[in-house]
Amino acid sequence: MNLDYKSIGKRIREERKLQHLSQEQLAEKASLSTVHLSHIETANTKLSLPALINIANALRVASDALLCDSLVASEKAYKHSILSELDDCSNKELKLLSDSVKAIKKSYRSL
């Protein structure tokens, strides 16, 4: 299996920008040099496992969110991920999310 380092770098950059972080800020949080982070984001260097974990922790996202299309995820893993997001929800939030999921599912299936 080949990792798509370009897509991984793009997702890291997108998440960094969503969090309004500069490369310098993320590099510092992830204990990387700014040049190294830049090379990761542009796929000019291969991303090591320790660097991936440091970046994911600094961004406070799951590493699989950064790997996304590089993973072969199972149905069970997706269900577990969804259920874990619901653990701290109130009844009101659960109702809203349930209604939203039903609407999205219906809309998706009608495509």
N, C-alpha and C. Protein backbone atom coordinates (compact mmCIF):
# COMPACT_ATOMS: atom_id res chain seq x y z
N MET A 1 0.84 -1.18 0.00
CA MET A 1 0.00 0.00 0.00
C MET A 1 0.88 1.24 0.00
N ASN A 2 0.61 2.16 -0.87
CA ASN A 2 1.34 3.42 -0.92
C ASN A 2 0.55 4.52 -0.23
N LEU A 3 1.23 5.28 0.58
CA LEU A 3 0.59 6.42 1.24
C LEU A 3 0.59 7.61 0.29
N ASP A 4 -0.50 8.34 0.29
CA ASP A 4 -0.62 9.54 -0.54
C ASP A 4 -0.16 10.74 0.30
N TYR A 5 1.15 10.97 0.31
CA TYR A 5 1.72 12.03 1.15
C TYR A 5 1.22 13.41 0.76
N LYS A 6 0.90 13.60 -0.50
CA LYS A 6 0.39 14.89 -0.96
C LYS A 6 -0.98 15.18 -0.33
N SER A 7 -1.86 14.17 -0.30
CA SER A 7 -3.18 14.35 0.30
C SER A 7 -3.08 14.52 1.81
N ILE A 8 -2.18 13.78 2.44
CA ILE A 8 -1.99 13.92 3.88
C ILE A 8 -1.51 15.33 4.21
N GLY A 9 -0.54 15.81 3.46
CA GLY A 9 -0.03 17.17 3.66
C GLY A 9 -1.12 18.21 3.44
N LYS A 10 -1.95 17.99 2.44
CA LYS A 10 -3.05 18.92 2.16
C LYS A 10 -4.04 18.96 3.33
N ARG A 11 -4.36 17.78 3.90
CA ARG A 11 -5.30 17.75 5.03
C ARG A 11 -4.68 18.41 6.26
N ILE A 12 -3.38 18.24 6.46
CA ILE A 12 -2.71 18.91 7.58
C ILE A 12 -2.80 20.42 7.40
N ARG A 13 -2.49 20.90 6.20
CA ARG A 13 -2.54 22.33 5.90
C ARG A 13 -3.96 22.87 6.09
N GLU A 14 -4.97 22.15 5.59
CA GLU A 14 -6.36 22.60 5.72
C GLU A 14 -6.77 22.69 7.18
N GLU A 15 -6.42 21.68 7.97
CA GLU A 15 -6.77 21.70 9.40
C GLU A 15 -6.04 22.82 10.12
N ARG A 16 -4.78 23.03 9.77
CA ARG A 16 -4.01 24.13 10.38
C ARG A 16 -4.67 25.47 10.10
N LYS A 17 -5.08 25.67 8.85
CA LYS A 17 -5.72 26.93 8.48
C LYS A 17 -7.09 27.09 9.13
N LEU A 18 -7.83 25.98 9.25
CA LEU A 18 -9.12 26.03 9.94
C LEU A 18 -8.96 26.50 11.38
N GLN A 19 -7.84 26.14 11.97
CA GLN A 19 -7.57 26.52 13.36
C GLN A 19 -6.82 27.85 13.45
N HIS A 20 -6.66 28.52 12.33
CA HIS A 20 -6.00 29.83 12.26
C HIS A 20 -4.60 29.79 12.86
N LEU A 21 -3.87 28.73 12.49
CA LEU A 21 -2.49 28.59 12.95
C LEU A 21 -1.55 28.82 11.77
N SER A 22 -0.46 29.48 12.04
CA SER A 22 0.58 29.62 11.02
C SER A 22 1.42 28.34 11.03
N GLN A 23 2.23 28.17 9.99
CA GLN A 23 3.13 27.01 9.98
C GLN A 23 4.06 27.07 11.18
N GLU A 24 4.50 28.26 11.52
CA GLU A 24 5.41 28.41 12.64
C GLU A 24 4.75 27.97 13.95
N GLN A 25 3.49 28.37 14.14
CA GLN A 25 2.79 28.01 15.37
C GLN A 25 2.57 26.51 15.47
N LEU A 26 2.12 25.89 14.37
CA LEU A 26 1.91 24.44 14.40
C LEU A 26 3.22 23.70 14.57
N ALA A 27 4.25 24.14 13.88
CA ALA A 27 5.56 23.49 14.00
C ALA A 27 6.04 23.51 15.45
N GLU A 28 5.87 24.63 16.10
CA GLU A 28 6.29 24.74 17.50
C GLU A 28 5.48 23.79 18.38
N LYS A 29 4.17 23.76 18.18
CA LYS A 29 3.32 22.87 18.98
C LYS A 29 3.64 21.40 18.74
N ALA A 30 4.06 21.07 17.52
CA ALA A 30 4.35 19.68 17.15
C ALA A 30 5.82 19.32 17.32
N SER A 31 6.60 20.23 17.85
CA SER A 31 8.05 20.00 18.05
C SER A 31 8.77 19.66 16.75
N LEU A 32 8.42 20.41 15.70
CA LEU A 32 9.05 20.26 14.39
C LEU A 32 9.61 21.60 13.96
N SER A 33 10.53 21.58 13.02
CA SER A 33 10.98 22.85 12.46
C SER A 33 9.93 23.32 11.45
N THR A 34 9.88 24.61 11.25
CA THR A 34 8.93 25.17 10.28
C THR A 34 9.22 24.65 8.88
N VAL A 35 10.48 24.51 8.54
CA VAL A 35 10.86 24.00 7.22
C VAL A 35 10.37 22.56 7.05
N HIS A 36 10.55 21.74 8.09
CA HIS A 36 10.11 20.35 8.01
C HIS A 36 8.59 20.28 7.84
N LEU A 37 7.84 21.07 8.61
CA LEU A 37 6.38 21.09 8.48
C LEU A 37 5.98 21.54 7.08
N SER A 38 6.65 22.54 6.55
CA SER A 38 6.37 23.00 5.19
C SER A 38 6.58 21.88 4.19
N HIS A 39 7.67 21.13 4.36
CA HIS A 39 7.96 20.01 3.46
C HIS A 39 6.92 18.90 3.59
N ILE A 40 6.40 18.69 4.80
CA ILE A 40 5.34 17.69 5.00
C ILE A 40 4.07 18.14 4.28
N GLU A 41 3.71 19.41 4.45
CA GLU A 41 2.48 19.92 3.84
C GLU A 41 2.54 19.90 2.31
N THR A 42 3.71 20.03 1.76
CA THR A 42 3.86 20.05 0.30
C THR A 42 4.33 18.71 -0.25
N ALA A 43 4.43 17.72 0.62
CA ALA A 43 4.85 16.36 0.25
C ALA A 43 6.25 16.31 -0.34
N ASN A 44 7.09 17.26 0.05
CA ASN A 44 8.49 17.22 -0.38
C ASN A 44 9.32 16.30 0.50
N THR A 45 8.71 15.81 1.58
CA THR A 45 9.35 14.83 2.44
C THR A 45 8.29 13.87 2.92
N LYS A 46 8.68 12.65 3.20
CA LYS A 46 7.75 11.66 3.73
C LYS A 46 7.52 11.93 5.20
N LEU A 47 6.31 11.76 5.61
CA LEU A 47 5.90 12.00 6.99
C LEU A 47 6.20 10.77 7.84
N SER A 48 6.96 10.96 8.91
CA SER A 48 7.26 9.84 9.82
C SER A 48 6.09 9.66 10.79
N LEU A 49 6.01 8.48 11.37
CA LEU A 49 4.96 8.21 12.35
C LEU A 49 5.04 9.15 13.55
N PRO A 50 6.23 9.37 14.14
CA PRO A 50 6.29 10.32 15.26
C PRO A 50 5.84 11.73 14.86
N ALA A 51 6.20 12.17 13.66
CA ALA A 51 5.78 13.50 13.22
C ALA A 51 4.26 13.55 13.04
N LEU A 52 3.67 12.49 12.48
CA LEU A 52 2.22 12.43 12.32
C LEU A 52 1.52 12.54 13.66
N ILE A 53 1.99 11.78 14.64
CA ILE A 53 1.38 11.81 15.97
C ILE A 53 1.53 13.19 16.61
N ASN A 54 2.71 13.78 16.49
CA ASN A 54 2.92 15.13 17.05
C ASN A 54 2.00 16.15 16.40
N ILE A 55 1.84 16.07 15.09
CA ILE A 55 0.97 17.01 14.37
C ILE A 55 -0.48 16.79 14.77
N ALA A 56 -0.91 15.54 14.80
CA ALA A 56 -2.30 15.23 15.18
C ALA A 56 -2.59 15.73 16.59
N ASN A 57 -1.67 15.50 17.51
CA ASN A 57 -1.86 15.97 18.88
C ASN A 57 -1.88 17.49 18.95
N ALA A 58 -1.00 18.13 18.21
CA ALA A 58 -0.95 19.60 18.21
C ALA A 58 -2.23 20.18 17.64
N LEU A 59 -2.81 19.52 16.64
CA LEU A 59 -4.05 20.00 16.04
C LEU A 59 -5.29 19.50 16.79
N ARG A 60 -5.07 18.57 17.72
CA ARG A 60 -6.14 17.96 18.50
C ARG A 60 -7.15 17.26 17.60
N VAL A 61 -6.61 16.49 16.64
CA VAL A 61 -7.43 15.67 15.75
C VAL A 61 -6.89 14.25 15.79
N ALA A 62 -7.72 13.31 15.42
CA ALA A 62 -7.27 11.92 15.34
C ALA A 62 -6.34 11.77 14.14
N SER A 63 -5.31 10.97 14.31
CA SER A 63 -4.37 10.78 13.21
C SER A 63 -5.06 10.20 11.98
N ASP A 64 -6.09 9.38 12.16
CA ASP A 64 -6.79 8.82 11.01
C ASP A 64 -7.52 9.89 10.21
N ALA A 65 -7.87 11.00 10.84
CA ALA A 65 -8.49 12.10 10.10
C ALA A 65 -7.49 12.71 9.11
N LEU A 66 -6.22 12.68 9.48
CA LEU A 66 -5.19 13.21 8.59
C LEU A 66 -4.81 12.19 7.51
N LEU A 67 -4.89 10.90 7.85
CA LEU A 67 -4.56 9.86 6.90
C LEU A 67 -5.71 9.57 5.94
N CYS A 68 -6.91 9.74 6.41
CA CYS A 68 -8.18 9.55 5.71
C CYS A 68 -8.14 8.57 4.54
N ASP A 69 -7.82 9.00 3.34
CA ASP A 69 -7.91 8.12 2.17
C ASP A 69 -6.78 7.09 2.14
N SER A 70 -5.86 7.17 3.07
CA SER A 70 -4.78 6.18 3.13
C SER A 70 -5.17 4.99 4.00
N LEU A 71 -6.33 5.06 4.64
CA LEU A 71 -6.78 3.99 5.52
C LEU A 71 -7.81 3.12 4.83
N VAL A 72 -7.79 1.86 5.17
CA VAL A 72 -8.86 0.96 4.77
C VAL A 72 -9.68 0.76 6.04
N ALA A 73 -10.72 1.55 6.18
CA ALA A 73 -11.51 1.52 7.41
C ALA A 73 -12.66 0.53 7.28
N SER A 74 -12.98 -0.08 8.38
CA SER A 74 -14.08 -1.03 8.39
C SER A 74 -15.36 -0.33 8.81
N GLU A 75 -16.47 -0.97 8.49
CA GLU A 75 -17.78 -0.46 8.90
C GLU A 75 -17.83 -0.32 10.41
N LYS A 76 -17.27 -1.29 11.11
CA LYS A 76 -17.25 -1.27 12.58
C LYS A 76 -16.49 -0.05 13.10
N ALA A 77 -15.38 0.30 12.46
CA ALA A 77 -14.59 1.45 12.89
C ALA A 77 -15.37 2.75 12.70
N TYR A 78 -16.08 2.87 11.58
CA TYR A 78 -16.89 4.07 11.35
C TYR A 78 -18.00 4.19 12.39
N LYS A 79 -18.67 3.08 12.66
CA LYS A 79 -19.75 3.11 13.66
C LYS A 79 -19.21 3.48 15.04
N HIS A 80 -18.07 2.90 15.39
CA HIS A 80 -17.46 3.21 16.68
C HIS A 80 -17.11 4.69 16.77
N SER A 81 -16.57 5.25 15.69
CA SER A 81 -16.21 6.66 15.66
C SER A 81 -17.43 7.54 15.87
N ILE A 82 -18.51 7.21 15.19
CA ILE A 82 -19.75 7.99 15.32
C ILE A 82 -20.30 7.89 16.75
N LEU A 83 -20.35 6.68 17.27
CA LEU A 83 -20.88 6.49 18.62
C LEU A 83 -20.04 7.21 19.67
N SER A 84 -18.74 7.22 19.51
CA SER A 84 -17.88 7.88 20.49
C SER A 84 -18.12 9.39 20.49
N GLU A 85 -18.52 9.94 19.36
CA GLU A 85 -18.83 11.38 19.29
C GLU A 85 -20.10 11.71 20.07
N LEU A 86 -20.95 10.73 20.29
CA LEU A 86 -22.24 10.96 20.95
C LEU A 86 -22.18 10.81 22.46
N ASP A 87 -21.08 10.32 22.98
CA ASP A 87 -20.97 10.00 24.40
C ASP A 87 -21.31 11.15 25.34
N ASP A 88 -20.92 12.35 25.02
CA ASP A 88 -21.13 13.47 25.94
C ASP A 88 -22.30 14.38 25.53
N CYS A 89 -23.16 13.89 24.65
CA CYS A 89 -24.28 14.71 24.16
C CYS A 89 -25.47 14.66 25.11
N SER A 90 -26.18 15.78 25.19
CA SER A 90 -27.42 15.83 25.96
C SER A 90 -28.53 15.19 25.13
N ASN A 91 -29.69 14.95 25.76
CA ASN A 91 -30.83 14.39 25.03
C ASN A 91 -31.25 15.30 23.89
N LYS A 92 -31.22 16.59 24.12
CA LYS A 92 -31.60 17.56 23.08
C LYS A 92 -30.64 17.46 21.89
N GLU A 93 -29.34 17.38 22.19
CA GLU A 93 -28.34 17.25 21.12
C GLU A 93 -28.49 15.93 20.37
N LEU A 94 -28.77 14.85 21.11
CA LEU A 94 -28.96 13.55 20.47
C LEU A 94 -30.15 13.56 19.53
N LYS A 95 -31.23 14.19 19.93
CA LYS A 95 -32.43 14.29 19.07
C LYS A 95 -32.10 15.06 17.80
N LEU A 96 -31.43 16.20 17.95
CA LEU A 96 -31.06 17.02 16.79
C LEU A 96 -30.13 16.24 15.85
N LEU A 97 -29.15 15.56 16.41
CA LEU A 97 -28.22 14.79 15.60
C LEU A 97 -28.91 13.61 14.91
N SER A 98 -29.80 12.97 15.62
CA SER A 98 -30.55 11.86 15.03
C SER A 98 -31.37 12.34 13.84
N ASP A 99 -32.08 13.44 14.02
CA ASP A 99 -32.88 14.00 12.92
C ASP A 99 -31.98 14.39 11.74
N SER A 100 -30.82 14.95 12.05
CA SER A 100 -29.89 15.38 11.00
C SER A 100 -29.36 14.17 10.22
N VAL A 101 -28.99 13.12 10.94
CA VAL A 101 -28.47 11.91 10.28
C VAL A 101 -29.53 11.30 9.38
N LYS A 102 -30.76 11.26 9.86
CA LYS A 102 -31.85 10.71 9.04
C LYS A 102 -32.04 11.52 7.76
N ALA A 103 -32.00 12.84 7.89
CA ALA A 103 -32.17 13.71 6.72
C ALA A 103 -31.01 13.55 5.73
N ILE A 104 -29.80 13.50 6.25
CA ILE A 104 -28.62 13.33 5.39
C ILE A 104 -28.66 11.98 4.68
N LYS A 105 -29.00 10.95 5.42
CA LYS A 105 -29.09 9.60 4.84
C LYS A 105 -30.13 9.56 3.72
N LYS A 106 -31.29 10.15 3.98
CA LYS A 106 -32.36 10.17 2.98
C LYS A 106 -31.91 10.94 1.73
N SER A 107 -31.29 12.09 1.95
CA SER A 107 -30.81 12.91 0.84
C SER A 107 -29.73 12.19 0.05
N TYR A 108 -28.80 11.54 0.74
CA TYR A 108 -27.70 10.83 0.09
C TYR A 108 -28.23 9.67 -0.76
N ARG A 109 -29.19 8.96 -0.22
CA ARG A 109 -29.72 7.79 -0.93
C ARG A 109 -30.58 8.16 -2.12
N SER A 110 -31.04 9.41 -2.16
CA SER A 110 -31.87 9.83 -3.30
C SER A 110 -31.02 10.33 -4.47
N LEU A 111 -29.72 10.40 -4.31
CA LEU A 111 -28.83 10.85 -5.38
C LEU A 111 -28.76 9.87 -6.52
